[in-house]
Amino acid sequence: MARTNVSFDSAGIRIAAHLYTPDTAPGAASDTAPGAASAASGTSSVADRRPALVVGHPGAGVKEQTAGTYAQRMAERGFVTLAFDAAYQGESAGLPRGLEDPAQRVEDFKAAVSFLTTREEVDPDRIGLLGICASGGYTLTAAGGDHRVKAVATVSGVDIARQFRLGADGTQDPAAFQGMLDAAGQARTAAARGEDPGALPVFPETAEQAAAVGGEHAAEGFDYYCTDRGRHERSARTLAWPSIDKMAAFDAFQAVPLIGPRPLLQVVGSRAVTSWMAVDVHQRATGPKELHWIEGASHVDLYDRKQYLDPAVERLAAFYTAHLAAAR
């Protein structure tokens, strides 16, 4: 397997990505992989083209974290995979930094699909999406409006806008988001006056503070993003305030009925406080659908904990092999 630094355009913004190219086809042994000779010589015939996946990172994440983990693991199973940084985040371009713009995030996925269709190693008729956490919601919207996507899967998938409005467990006091909207409006006014608009902190200073604010879910997020477990220098520690009002009316699940008859798989931890959103999506889906539970896993456990990651990857590999790897 090889990893290559690549970039592509998304509505005029340069998106930084890692392209993972496998040594074997899905389900094939490395010494019998179709196209091994042509791959070694640097050429690729139509018969050698492989199924491909676009892999999206969680909110505040970057391609080097859990998205890269899943991209690498799926490439080891024979899929060409593309893990990218969302616009305004990571190594991708765009100002202001740390902006979470749902419309642009959806466009990023469609632009990533367009990029893969230009690659000689990719079969443009066998492209799927894999979204983790916030990207899970964005993949649903992107796939609903883009028939080039043939299969969709999510891991700990959420609609980040719902999460901000309603809380991770769906029980947040509505006044909390109204307060954030007040602050977002004040930040826009400050920027218009040439003043520093500030930014919204994503994480507090300590794990104890995270737990006090958001319970176990927030504490686990802190543990992944703010300790050696998963920390990365380019992972967002703050969000630009306009992110809040851009998320105010976004609904990642509205397009779910449009995904059918294409297949949808959702991989969810049985202890994930966000799982109510996956249940909502499952009820809306009109095509082949599966809600696959990983027993004992929390939302964040599925990012990197081997005992939960391994079965998640195995189910994803089987799903994409069934729906993308067969000759068309």
C-alpha atoms as a PDB file:
ATOM      1  CA  MET A   1       0.000   0.000   0.000  1.00  0.00           C
ATOM      2  CA  ALA A   2       1.239   3.486  -0.878  1.00  0.00           C
ATOM      3  CA  ARG A   3       0.176   6.867   0.511  1.00  0.00           C
ATOM      4  CA  THR A   4       0.430   9.921  -1.726  1.00  0.00           C
ATOM      5  CA  ASN A   5      -0.138  13.579  -0.900  1.00  0.00           C
ATOM      6  CA  VAL A   6      -2.696  14.989  -3.340  1.00  0.00           C
ATOM      7  CA  SER A   7      -4.980  18.001  -3.601  1.00  0.00           C
ATOM      8  CA  PHE A   8      -8.125  18.969  -5.471  1.00  0.00           C
ATOM      9  CA  ASP A   9     -10.439  21.943  -5.876  1.00  0.00           C
ATOM     10  CA  SER A  10     -13.710  22.314  -3.971  1.00  0.00           C
ATOM     11  CA  ALA A  11     -15.695  25.424  -4.964  1.00  0.00           C
ATOM     12  CA  GLY A  12     -12.450  27.325  -5.455  1.00  0.00           C
ATOM     13  CA  ILE A  13     -10.780  26.079  -2.259  1.00  0.00           C
ATOM     14  CA  ARG A  14      -7.738  23.821  -2.372  1.00  0.00           C
ATOM     15  CA  ILE A  15      -8.362  20.614  -0.434  1.00  0.00           C
ATOM     16  CA  ALA A  16      -5.393  18.656   0.934  1.00  0.00           C
ATOM     17  CA  ALA A  17      -5.731  14.881   0.978  1.00  0.00           C
ATOM     18  CA  HIS A  18      -3.958  11.562   1.318  1.00  0.00           C
ATOM     19  CA  LEU A  19      -4.564   8.974  -1.409  1.00  0.00           C
ATOM     20  CA  TYR A  20      -4.023   5.381  -0.304  1.00  0.00           C
ATOM     21  CA  THR A  21      -3.393   2.912  -3.127  1.00  0.00           C
ATOM     22  CA  PRO A  22      -3.655  -0.784  -2.256  1.00  0.00           C
ATOM     23  CA  ASP A  23      -1.411  -3.626  -3.354  1.00  0.00           C
ATOM     24  CA  THR A  24      -4.307  -6.062  -3.672  1.00  0.00           C
ATOM     25  CA  ALA A  25      -7.861  -6.067  -4.924  1.00  0.00           C
ATOM     26  CA  PRO A  26     -10.709  -6.543  -2.404  1.00  0.00           C
ATOM     27  CA  GLY A  27     -10.636 -10.130  -1.173  1.00  0.00           C
ATOM     28  CA  ALA A  28      -7.493 -11.035  -3.164  1.00  0.00           C
ATOM     29  CA  ALA A  29      -4.152 -12.275  -1.848  1.00  0.00           C
ATOM     30  CA  SER A  30      -1.260  -9.910  -2.457  1.00  0.00           C
ATOM     31  CA  ASP A  31       0.573 -12.307  -4.774  1.00  0.00           C
ATOM     32  CA  THR A  32      -2.487 -12.918  -6.968  1.00  0.00           C
ATOM     33  CA  ALA A  33      -3.938  -9.427  -7.175  1.00  0.00           C
ATOM     34  CA  PRO A  34      -5.379  -8.530 -10.572  1.00  0.00           C
ATOM     35  CA  GLY A  35      -3.267  -5.908 -12.282  1.00  0.00           C
ATOM     36  CA  ALA A  36      -0.191  -6.465 -10.113  1.00  0.00           C
ATOM     37  CA  ALA A  37       2.135  -6.289 -13.097  1.00  0.00           C
ATOM     38  CA  SER A  38       0.623  -3.125 -14.537  1.00  0.00           C
ATOM     39  CA  ALA A  39       0.620  -1.462 -11.110  1.00  0.00           C
ATOM     40  CA  ALA A  40       4.294  -2.250 -10.707  1.00  0.00           C
ATOM     41  CA  SER A  41       5.068  -0.751 -14.098  1.00  0.00           C
ATOM     42  CA  GLY A  42       3.182   2.436 -13.296  1.00  0.00           C
ATOM     43  CA  THR A  43       0.348   1.889 -15.780  1.00  0.00           C
ATOM     44  CA  SER A  44      -3.245   0.858 -15.303  1.00  0.00           C
ATOM     45  CA  SER A  45      -5.741  -0.725 -17.696  1.00  0.00           C
ATOM     46  CA  VAL A  46      -9.513  -0.464 -17.447  1.00  0.00           C
ATOM     47  CA  ALA A  47      -9.628  -4.017 -16.091  1.00  0.00           C
ATOM     48  CA  ASP A  48      -7.244  -3.075 -13.274  1.00  0.00           C
ATOM     49  CA  ARG A  49      -9.321  -0.181 -11.943  1.00  0.00           C
ATOM     50  CA  ARG A  50     -10.432  -0.584  -8.372  1.00  0.00           C
ATOM     51  CA  PRO A  51     -13.375   0.452  -6.218  1.00  0.00           C
ATOM     52  CA  ALA A  52     -12.660   3.593  -4.210  1.00  0.00           C
ATOM     53  CA  LEU A  53     -13.812   5.278  -1.016  1.00  0.00           C
ATOM     54  CA  VAL A  54     -13.857   8.889   0.119  1.00  0.00           C
ATOM     55  CA  VAL A  55     -13.235   8.979   3.889  1.00  0.00           C
ATOM     56  CA  GLY A  56     -14.276  12.038   5.905  1.00  0.00           C
ATOM     57  CA  HIS A  57     -13.011  13.055   9.334  1.00  0.00           C
ATOM     58  CA  PRO A  58     -15.015  14.054  12.418  1.00  0.00           C
ATOM     59  CA  GLY A  59     -15.696  17.671  13.288  1.00  0.00           C
ATOM     60  CA  ALA A  60     -12.461  19.269  14.556  1.00  0.00           C
ATOM     61  CA  GLY A  61     -10.478  16.306  13.211  1.00  0.00           C
ATOM     62  CA  VAL A  62      -7.926  16.029  10.427  1.00  0.00           C
ATOM     63  CA  LYS A  63      -7.066  13.393   7.849  1.00  0.00           C
ATOM     64  CA  GLU A  64      -4.138  12.091   9.914  1.00  0.00           C
ATOM     65  CA  GLN A  65      -6.407  10.944  12.743  1.00  0.00           C
ATOM     66  CA  THR A  66      -9.269   8.420  12.635  1.00  0.00           C
ATOM     67  CA  ALA A  67     -10.115   9.159   8.988  1.00  0.00           C
ATOM     68  CA  GLY A  68      -6.576   8.177   8.036  1.00  0.00           C
ATOM     69  CA  THR A  69      -6.820   5.057  10.178  1.00  0.00           C
ATOM     70  CA  TYR A  70      -9.952   3.882   8.393  1.00  0.00           C
ATOM     71  CA  ALA A  71      -8.593   4.900   4.981  1.00  0.00           C
ATOM     72  CA  GLN A  72      -5.454   2.859   5.564  1.00  0.00           C
ATOM     73  CA  ARG A  73      -7.343  -0.156   6.877  1.00  0.00           C
ATOM     74  CA  MET A  74      -9.715  -0.145   3.914  1.00  0.00           C
ATOM     75  CA  ALA A  75      -6.803   0.250   1.485  1.00  0.00           C
ATOM     76  CA  GLU A  76      -5.247  -2.839   3.063  1.00  0.00           C
ATOM     77  CA  ARG A  77      -8.431  -4.602   2.000  1.00  0.00           C
ATOM     78  CA  GLY A  78      -8.056  -3.583  -1.630  1.00  0.00           C
ATOM     79  CA  PHE A  79      -9.881  -0.256  -1.931  1.00  0.00           C
ATOM     80  CA  VAL A  80      -8.352   2.972  -3.201  1.00  0.00           C
ATOM     81  CA  THR A  81      -9.119   5.444  -0.417  1.00  0.00           C
ATOM     82  CA  LEU A  82      -8.993   9.217  -0.137  1.00  0.00           C
ATOM     83  CA  ALA A  83      -8.868  10.909   3.286  1.00  0.00           C
ATOM     84  CA  PHE A  84      -9.054  14.700   3.133  1.00  0.00           C
ATOM     85  CA  ASP A  85      -9.043  17.776   5.338  1.00  0.00           C
ATOM     86  CA  ALA A  86     -12.259  19.783   5.161  1.00  0.00           C
ATOM     87  CA  ALA A  87     -12.050  23.277   3.709  1.00  0.00           C
ATOM     88  CA  TYR A  88     -10.873  25.852   6.279  1.00  0.00           C
ATOM     89  CA  GLN A  89      -9.298  23.072   8.363  1.00  0.00           C
ATOM     90  CA  GLY A  90      -6.084  21.045   8.586  1.00  0.00           C
ATOM     91  CA  GLU A  91      -3.816  21.520   5.579  1.00  0.00           C
ATOM     92  CA  SER A  92      -6.665  22.628   3.316  1.00  0.00           C
ATOM     93  CA  ALA A  93      -7.059  26.258   2.322  1.00  0.00           C
ATOM     94  CA  GLY A  94      -9.854  28.666   3.196  1.00  0.00           C
ATOM     95  CA  LEU A  95     -10.471  31.545   5.587  1.00  0.00           C
ATOM     96  CA  PRO A  96     -11.447  31.979   8.344  1.00  0.00           C
ATOM     97  CA  ARG A  97      -9.557  29.069   9.820  1.00  0.00           C
ATOM     98  CA  GLY A  98     -11.624  26.626  11.835  1.00  0.00           C
ATOM     99  CA  LEU A  99     -14.847  27.347   9.976  1.00  0.00           C
ATOM    100  CA  GLU A 100     -17.384  24.499  10.017  1.00  0.00           C
ATOM    101  CA  ASP A 101     -19.542  25.235   6.984  1.00  0.00           C
ATOM    102  CA  PRO A 102     -22.019  22.404   6.313  1.00  0.00           C
ATOM    103  CA  ALA A 103     -22.699  23.440   2.707  1.00  0.00           C
ATOM    104  CA  GLN A 104     -18.978  23.548   1.932  1.00  0.00           C
ATOM    105  CA  ARG A 105     -18.399  20.254   3.743  1.00  0.00           C
ATOM    106  CA  VAL A 106     -20.968  18.577   1.504  1.00  0.00           C
ATOM    107  CA  GLU A 107     -19.321  20.153  -1.535  1.00  0.00           C
ATOM    108  CA  ASP A 108     -15.958  18.803  -0.359  1.00  0.00           C
ATOM    109  CA  PHE A 109     -17.302  15.248  -0.566  1.00  0.00           C
ATOM    110  CA  LYS A 110     -18.681  15.781  -4.057  1.00  0.00           C
ATOM    111  CA  ALA A 111     -15.399  17.353  -5.151  1.00  0.00           C
ATOM    112  CA  ALA A 112     -13.536  14.372  -3.706  1.00  0.00           C
ATOM    113  CA  VAL A 113     -15.697  12.035  -5.787  1.00  0.00           C
ATOM    114  CA  SER A 114     -14.923  14.147  -8.854  1.00  0.00           C
ATOM    115  CA  PHE A 115     -11.213  13.871  -8.090  1.00  0.00           C
ATOM    116  CA  LEU A 116     -11.395  10.094  -7.814  1.00  0.00           C
ATOM    117  CA  THR A 117     -13.149   9.824 -11.182  1.00  0.00           C
ATOM    118  CA  THR A 118     -10.022  11.332 -12.779  1.00  0.00           C
ATOM    119  CA  ARG A 119      -7.642   8.749 -11.300  1.00  0.00           C
ATOM    120  CA  GLU A 120      -6.587   5.967 -13.639  1.00  0.00           C
ATOM    121  CA  GLU A 121      -6.489   3.434 -10.804  1.00  0.00           C
ATOM    122  CA  VAL A 122     -10.134   4.076  -9.875  1.00  0.00           C
ATOM    123  CA  ASP A 123     -13.274   2.651 -11.453  1.00  0.00           C
ATOM    124  CA  PRO A 124     -15.538   5.745 -11.590  1.00  0.00           C
ATOM    125  CA  ASP A 125     -18.619   3.521 -11.424  1.00  0.00           C
ATOM    126  CA  ARG A 126     -17.587   1.999  -8.078  1.00  0.00           C
ATOM    127  CA  ILE A 127     -17.113   4.878  -5.648  1.00  0.00           C
ATOM    128  CA  GLY A 128     -18.451   4.906  -2.098  1.00  0.00           C
ATOM    129  CA  LEU A 129     -18.457   7.317   0.831  1.00  0.00           C
ATOM    130  CA  LEU A 130     -17.390   6.634   4.408  1.00  0.00           C
ATOM    131  CA  GLY A 131     -18.101   9.325   6.990  1.00  0.00           C
ATOM    132  CA  ILE A 132     -16.986   9.310  10.601  1.00  0.00           C
ATOM    133  CA  CYS A 133     -18.849  11.333  13.247  1.00  0.00           C
ATOM    134  CA  ALA A 134     -19.788  14.705  11.674  1.00  0.00           C
ATOM    135  CA  SER A 135     -18.697  13.482   8.257  1.00  0.00           C
ATOM    136  CA  GLY A 136     -21.256  10.726   8.636  1.00  0.00           C
ATOM    137  CA  GLY A 137     -23.997  13.326   8.375  1.00  0.00           C
ATOM    138  CA  TYR A 138     -22.306  15.127   5.515  1.00  0.00           C
ATOM    139  CA  THR A 139     -21.921  11.905   3.504  1.00  0.00           C
ATOM    140  CA  LEU A 140     -25.671  11.342   3.721  1.00  0.00           C
ATOM    141  CA  THR A 141     -26.417  14.773   2.270  1.00  0.00           C
ATOM    142  CA  ALA A 142     -23.730  14.450  -0.385  1.00  0.00           C
ATOM    143  CA  ALA A 143     -24.836  10.981  -1.487  1.00  0.00           C
ATOM    144  CA  GLY A 144     -28.488  11.989  -1.597  1.00  0.00           C
ATOM    145  CA  GLY A 145     -27.729  14.459  -4.359  1.00  0.00           C
ATOM    146  CA  ASP A 146     -24.884  12.674  -6.153  1.00  0.00           C
ATOM    147  CA  HIS A 147     -25.727   9.469  -8.010  1.00  0.00           C
ATOM    148  CA  ARG A 148     -22.052   8.823  -8.730  1.00  0.00           C
ATOM    149  CA  VAL A 149     -21.912   7.518  -5.152  1.00  0.00           C
ATOM    150  CA  LYS A 150     -22.867   3.831  -5.193  1.00  0.00           C
ATOM    151  CA  ALA A 151     -22.711   2.942  -1.478  1.00  0.00           C
ATOM    152  CA  VAL A 152     -22.633   4.896   1.788  1.00  0.00           C
ATOM    153  CA  ALA A 153     -21.439   3.951   5.268  1.00  0.00           C
ATOM    154  CA  THR A 154     -20.972   5.853   8.481  1.00  0.00           C
ATOM    155  CA  VAL A 155     -19.099   5.183  11.725  1.00  0.00           C
ATOM    156  CA  SER A 156     -20.469   6.938  14.830  1.00  0.00           C
ATOM    157  CA  GLY A 157     -22.330   9.117  12.350  1.00  0.00           C
ATOM    158  CA  VAL A 158     -24.039  12.296  13.522  1.00  0.00           C
ATOM    159  CA  ASP A 159     -25.573  15.456  12.176  1.00  0.00           C
ATOM    160  CA  ILE A 160     -23.238  17.986  13.787  1.00  0.00           C
ATOM    161  CA  ALA A 161     -25.885  20.688  13.451  1.00  0.00           C
ATOM    162  CA  ARG A 162     -28.337  18.576  15.478  1.00  0.00           C
ATOM    163  CA  GLN A 163     -25.607  17.932  17.999  1.00  0.00           C
ATOM    164  CA  PHE A 164     -24.994  21.646  18.472  1.00  0.00           C
ATOM    165  CA  ARG A 165     -28.718  22.424  18.630  1.00  0.00           C
ATOM    166  CA  LEU A 166     -29.844  19.499  20.777  1.00  0.00           C
ATOM    167  CA  GLY A 167     -26.702  18.127  22.427  1.00  0.00           C
ATOM    168  CA  ALA A 168     -24.915  14.833  21.903  1.00  0.00           C
ATOM    169  CA  ASP A 169     -27.674  12.927  23.691  1.00  0.00           C
ATOM    170  CA  GLY A 170     -30.538  15.035  22.327  1.00  0.00           C
ATOM    171  CA  THR A 171     -31.544  16.519  25.690  1.00  0.00           C
ATOM    172  CA  GLN A 172     -29.727  19.869  25.678  1.00  0.00           C
ATOM    173  CA  ASP A 173     -31.650  22.931  26.865  1.00  0.00           C
ATOM    174  CA  PRO A 174     -32.563  24.925  23.694  1.00  0.00           C
ATOM    175  CA  ALA A 175     -31.320  28.059  25.451  1.00  0.00           C
ATOM    176  CA  ALA A 176     -27.745  26.793  25.098  1.00  0.00           C
ATOM    177  CA  PHE A 177     -27.789  27.046  21.314  1.00  0.00           C
ATOM    178  CA  GLN A 178     -29.672  30.318  21.408  1.00  0.00           C
ATOM    179  CA  GLY A 179     -26.823  31.680  23.516  1.00  0.00           C
ATOM    180  CA  MET A 180     -24.300  30.485  20.951  1.00  0.00           C
ATOM    181  CA  LEU A 181     -26.276  32.228  18.223  1.00  0.00           C
ATOM    182  CA  ASP A 182     -26.132  35.447  20.265  1.00  0.00           C
ATOM    183  CA  ALA A 183     -22.367  35.105  20.514  1.00  0.00           C
ATOM    184  CA  ALA A 184     -22.069  34.336  16.806  1.00  0.00           C
ATOM    185  CA  GLY A 185     -23.977  37.494  15.924  1.00  0.00           C
ATOM    186  CA  GLN A 186     -21.788  39.558  18.229  1.00  0.00           C
ATOM    187  CA  ALA A 187     -18.685  38.087  16.590  1.00  0.00           C
ATOM    188  CA  ARG A 188     -19.927  39.061  13.133  1.00  0.00           C
ATOM    189  CA  THR A 189     -20.553  42.615  14.375  1.00  0.00           C
ATOM    190  CA  ALA A 190     -17.064  42.778  15.874  1.00  0.00           C
ATOM    191  CA  ALA A 191     -15.510  41.594  12.608  1.00  0.00           C
ATOM    192  CA  ALA A 192     -17.468  44.230  10.664  1.00  0.00           C
ATOM    193  CA  ARG A 193     -15.973  46.877  12.934  1.00  0.00           C
ATOM    194  CA  GLY A 194     -12.472  45.598  12.315  1.00  0.00           C
ATOM    195  CA  GLU A 195     -12.225  44.037  15.780  1.00  0.00           C
ATOM    196  CA  ASP A 196     -11.086  40.525  16.700  1.00  0.00           C
ATOM    197  CA  PRO A 197     -14.226  38.325  16.597  1.00  0.00           C
ATOM    198  CA  GLY A 198     -12.615  35.656  18.742  1.00  0.00           C
ATOM    199  CA  ALA A 199     -13.429  31.965  18.358  1.00  0.00           C
ATOM    200  CA  LEU A 200     -15.448  29.238  20.052  1.00  0.00           C
ATOM    201  CA  PRO A 201     -13.257  26.817  22.059  1.00  0.00           C
ATOM    202  CA  VAL A 202     -13.867  23.192  21.123  1.00  0.00           C
ATOM    203  CA  PHE A 203     -12.290  21.732  24.263  1.00  0.00           C
ATOM    204  CA  PRO A 204     -11.763  23.002  27.812  1.00  0.00           C
ATOM    205  CA  GLU A 205      -8.380  22.923  29.514  1.00  0.00           C
ATOM    206  CA  THR A 206      -8.732  19.600  31.343  1.00  0.00           C
ATOM    207  CA  ALA A 207     -10.506  16.270  31.098  1.00  0.00           C
ATOM    208  CA  GLU A 208     -12.266  17.032  34.373  1.00  0.00           C
ATOM    209  CA  GLN A 209     -13.685  20.238  32.930  1.00  0.00           C
ATOM    210  CA  ALA A 210     -14.804  18.356  29.814  1.00  0.00           C
ATOM    211  CA  ALA A 211     -16.597  15.763  31.930  1.00  0.00           C
ATOM    212  CA  ALA A 212     -18.270  18.463  34.009  1.00  0.00           C
ATOM    213  CA  VAL A 213     -19.644  20.127  30.873  1.00  0.00           C
ATOM    214  CA  GLY A 214     -20.523  17.124  28.691  1.00  0.00           C
ATOM    215  CA  GLY A 215     -20.188  13.962  30.752  1.00  0.00           C
ATOM    216  CA  GLU A 216     -18.420  10.806  29.577  1.00  0.00           C
ATOM    217  CA  HIS A 217     -18.859  11.642  25.894  1.00  0.00           C
ATOM    218  CA  ALA A 218     -17.046  14.970  26.233  1.00  0.00           C
ATOM    219  CA  ALA A 219     -14.358  13.428  28.418  1.00  0.00           C
ATOM    220  CA  GLU A 220     -13.694  10.748  25.800  1.00  0.00           C
ATOM    221  CA  GLY A 221     -13.483  13.400  23.100  1.00  0.00           C
ATOM    222  CA  PHE A 222     -10.932  15.276  25.196  1.00  0.00           C
ATOM    223  CA  ASP A 223      -8.954  12.070  25.707  1.00  0.00           C
ATOM    224  CA  TYR A 224      -8.766  11.430  21.962  1.00  0.00           C
ATOM    225  CA  TYR A 225      -8.102  14.946  20.695  1.00  0.00           C
ATOM    226  CA  CYS A 226      -6.095  16.445  23.559  1.00  0.00           C
ATOM    227  CA  THR A 227      -3.773  13.651  24.705  1.00  0.00           C
ATOM    228  CA  ASP A 228      -1.157  11.488  23.039  1.00  0.00           C
ATOM    229  CA  ARG A 229      -3.879   8.989  22.208  1.00  0.00           C
ATOM    230  CA  GLY A 230      -4.962  10.893  19.087  1.00  0.00           C
ATOM    231  CA  ARG A 231      -3.777  14.503  19.317  1.00  0.00           C
ATOM    232  CA  HIS A 232      -2.550  16.168  16.128  1.00  0.00           C
ATOM    233  CA  GLU A 233      -1.090  19.648  15.792  1.00  0.00           C
ATOM    234  CA  ARG A 234      -3.510  20.613  13.020  1.00  0.00           C
ATOM    235  CA  SER A 235      -6.658  19.322  14.702  1.00  0.00           C
ATOM    236  CA  ALA A 236      -8.939  22.260  15.457  1.00  0.00           C
ATOM    237  CA  ARG A 237      -9.013  23.557  19.026  1.00  0.00           C
ATOM    238  CA  THR A 238     -11.458  26.351  18.179  1.00  0.00           C
ATOM    239  CA  LEU A 239     -14.251  26.977  15.684  1.00  0.00           C
ATOM    240  CA  ALA A 240     -14.826  30.248  13.882  1.00  0.00           C
ATOM    241  CA  TRP A 241     -18.028  31.807  15.260  1.00  0.00           C
ATOM    242  CA  PRO A 242     -19.814  31.903  11.867  1.00  0.00           C
ATOM    243  CA  SER A 243     -19.850  28.096  12.096  1.00  0.00           C
ATOM    244  CA  ILE A 244     -22.712  28.399  14.564  1.00  0.00           C
ATOM    245  CA  ASP A 245     -25.185  30.341  12.451  1.00  0.00           C
ATOM    246  CA  LYS A 246     -24.213  28.307   9.361  1.00  0.00           C
ATOM    247  CA  MET A 247     -25.265  25.189  11.264  1.00  0.00           C
ATOM    248  CA  ALA A 248     -28.470  26.739  12.626  1.00  0.00           C
ATOM    249  CA  ALA A 249     -30.780  25.549   9.846  1.00  0.00           C
ATOM    250  CA  PHE A 250     -28.727  22.701   8.358  1.00  0.00           C
ATOM    251  CA  ASP A 251     -30.339  19.251   8.321  1.00  0.00           C
ATOM    252  CA  ALA A 252     -27.981  16.439   7.330  1.00  0.00           C
ATOM    253  CA  PHE A 253     -30.780  13.871   7.332  1.00  0.00           C
ATOM    254  CA  GLN A 254     -33.205  15.559   4.944  1.00  0.00           C
ATOM    255  CA  ALA A 255     -31.660  13.865   1.908  1.00  0.00           C
ATOM    256  CA  VAL A 256     -31.569  10.351   3.414  1.00  0.00           C
ATOM    257  CA  PRO A 257     -34.658   9.113   1.495  1.00  0.00           C
ATOM    258  CA  LEU A 258     -32.882  10.076  -1.746  1.00  0.00           C
ATOM    259  CA  ILE A 259     -30.049   7.618  -1.099  1.00  0.00           C
ATOM    260  CA  GLY A 260     -32.231   4.590  -1.867  1.00  0.00           C
ATOM    261  CA  PRO A 261     -32.103   2.278  -3.718  1.00  0.00           C
ATOM    262  CA  ARG A 262     -28.370   2.541  -3.020  1.00  0.00           C
ATOM    263  CA  PRO A 263     -27.242   0.728   0.155  1.00  0.00           C
ATOM    264  CA  LEU A 264     -26.567   2.378   3.508  1.00  0.00           C
ATOM    265  CA  LEU A 265     -24.619   0.918   6.434  1.00  0.00           C
ATOM    266  CA  GLN A 266     -24.309   2.601   9.819  1.00  0.00           C
ATOM    267  CA  VAL A 267     -21.756   1.279  12.313  1.00  0.00           C
ATOM    268  CA  VAL A 268     -22.666   2.397  15.823  1.00  0.00           C
ATOM    269  CA  GLY A 269     -21.342   1.700  19.305  1.00  0.00           C
ATOM    270  CA  SER A 270     -23.914   0.224  21.672  1.00  0.00           C
ATOM    271  CA  ARG A 271     -22.847   2.728  24.361  1.00  0.00           C
ATOM    272  CA  ALA A 272     -22.729   5.766  22.054  1.00  0.00           C
ATOM    273  CA  VAL A 273     -24.848   8.614  23.429  1.00  0.00           C
ATOM    274  CA  THR A 274     -25.204   9.831  19.834  1.00  0.00           C
ATOM    275  CA  SER A 275     -26.796   6.596  18.606  1.00  0.00           C
ATOM    276  CA  TRP A 276     -30.286   8.124  18.589  1.00  0.00           C
ATOM    277  CA  MET A 277     -29.280   9.960  15.428  1.00  0.00           C
ATOM    278  CA  ALA A 278     -28.318   6.739  13.672  1.00  0.00           C
ATOM    279  CA  VAL A 279     -31.703   5.272  14.603  1.00  0.00           C
ATOM    280  CA  ASP A 280     -33.380   8.347  13.109  1.00  0.00           C
ATOM    281  CA  VAL A 281     -31.438   7.902   9.861  1.00  0.00           C
ATOM    282  CA  HIS A 282     -32.248   4.194   9.722  1.00  0.00           C
ATOM    283  CA  GLN A 283     -35.944   4.941   9.984  1.00  0.00           C
ATOM    284  CA  ARG A 284     -35.730   7.486   7.147  1.00  0.00           C
ATOM    285  CA  ALA A 285     -33.728   5.313   4.741  1.00  0.00           C
ATOM    286  CA  THR A 286     -35.680   3.874   1.821  1.00  0.00           C
ATOM    287  CA  GLY A 287     -33.171   1.475   0.260  1.00  0.00           C
ATOM    288  CA  PRO A 288     -31.153  -1.470   1.576  1.00  0.00           C
ATOM    289  CA  LYS A 289     -30.056  -0.465   5.070  1.00  0.00           C
ATOM    290  CA  GLU A 290     -28.275  -1.876   8.083  1.00  0.00           C
ATOM    291  CA  LEU A 291     -27.738  -0.537  11.571  1.00  0.00           C
ATOM    292  CA  HIS A 292     -24.697  -2.515  12.758  1.00  0.00           C
ATOM    293  CA  TRP A 293     -24.037  -2.339  16.492  1.00  0.00           C
ATOM    294  CA  ILE A 294     -20.566  -2.809  17.995  1.00  0.00           C
ATOM    295  CA  GLU A 295     -21.246  -4.167  21.459  1.00  0.00           C
ATOM    296  CA  GLY A 296     -19.646  -2.245  24.310  1.00  0.00           C
ATOM    297  CA  ALA A 297     -18.279   0.589  22.166  1.00  0.00           C
ATOM    298  CA  SER A 298     -18.856   4.266  22.815  1.00  0.00           C
ATOM    299  CA  HIS A 299     -18.946   6.931  20.099  1.00  0.00           C
ATOM    300  CA  VAL A 300     -15.222   7.712  20.417  1.00  0.00           C
ATOM    301  CA  ASP A 301     -14.145   4.098  20.987  1.00  0.00           C
ATOM    302  CA  LEU A 302     -14.803   3.483  17.289  1.00  0.00           C
ATOM    303  CA  TYR A 303     -12.178   6.069  16.368  1.00  0.00           C
ATOM    304  CA  ASP A 304      -9.209   3.941  17.386  1.00  0.00           C
ATOM    305  CA  ARG A 305      -9.814   1.300  20.075  1.00  0.00           C
ATOM    306  CA  LYS A 306      -8.602  -1.926  18.446  1.00  0.00           C
ATOM    307  CA  GLN A 307     -11.207  -4.212  20.052  1.00  0.00           C
ATOM    308  CA  TYR A 308     -13.947  -2.081  18.449  1.00  0.00           C
ATOM    309  CA  LEU A 309     -12.114  -0.792  15.383  1.00  0.00           C
ATOM    310  CA  ASP A 310     -11.341  -4.276  14.060  1.00  0.00           C
ATOM    311  CA  PRO A 311     -14.951  -5.533  13.888  1.00  0.00           C
ATOM    312  CA  ALA A 312     -16.063  -2.178  12.469  1.00  0.00           C
ATOM    313  CA  VAL A 313     -13.505  -2.444   9.663  1.00  0.00           C
ATOM    314  CA  GLU A 314     -14.470  -6.039   8.946  1.00  0.00           C
ATOM    315  CA  ARG A 315     -18.145  -5.115   8.560  1.00  0.00           C
ATOM    316  CA  LEU A 316     -17.281  -2.119   6.374  1.00  0.00           C
ATOM    317  CA  ALA A 317     -15.018  -4.229   4.171  1.00  0.00           C
ATOM    318  CA  ALA A 318     -17.742  -6.826   3.666  1.00  0.00           C
ATOM    319  CA  PHE A 319     -20.302  -4.113   2.897  1.00  0.00           C
ATOM    320  CA  TYR A 320     -18.186  -2.331   0.300  1.00  0.00           C
ATOM    321  CA  THR A 321     -16.951  -5.577  -1.214  1.00  0.00           C
ATOM    322  CA  ALA A 322     -20.539  -6.686  -1.738  1.00  0.00           C
ATOM    323  CA  HIS A 323     -21.697  -3.399  -3.221  1.00  0.00           C
ATOM    324  CA  LEU A 324     -18.627  -1.989  -4.973  1.00  0.00           C
ATOM    325  CA  ALA A 325     -16.129  -4.733  -5.715  1.00  0.00           C
ATOM    326  CA  ALA A 326     -18.242  -6.907  -7.999  1.00  0.00           C
ATOM    327  CA  ALA A 327     -17.777  -6.427 -11.729  1.00  0.00           C
ATOM    328  CA  ARG A 328     -20.423  -4.179 -13.259  1.00  0.00           C
END
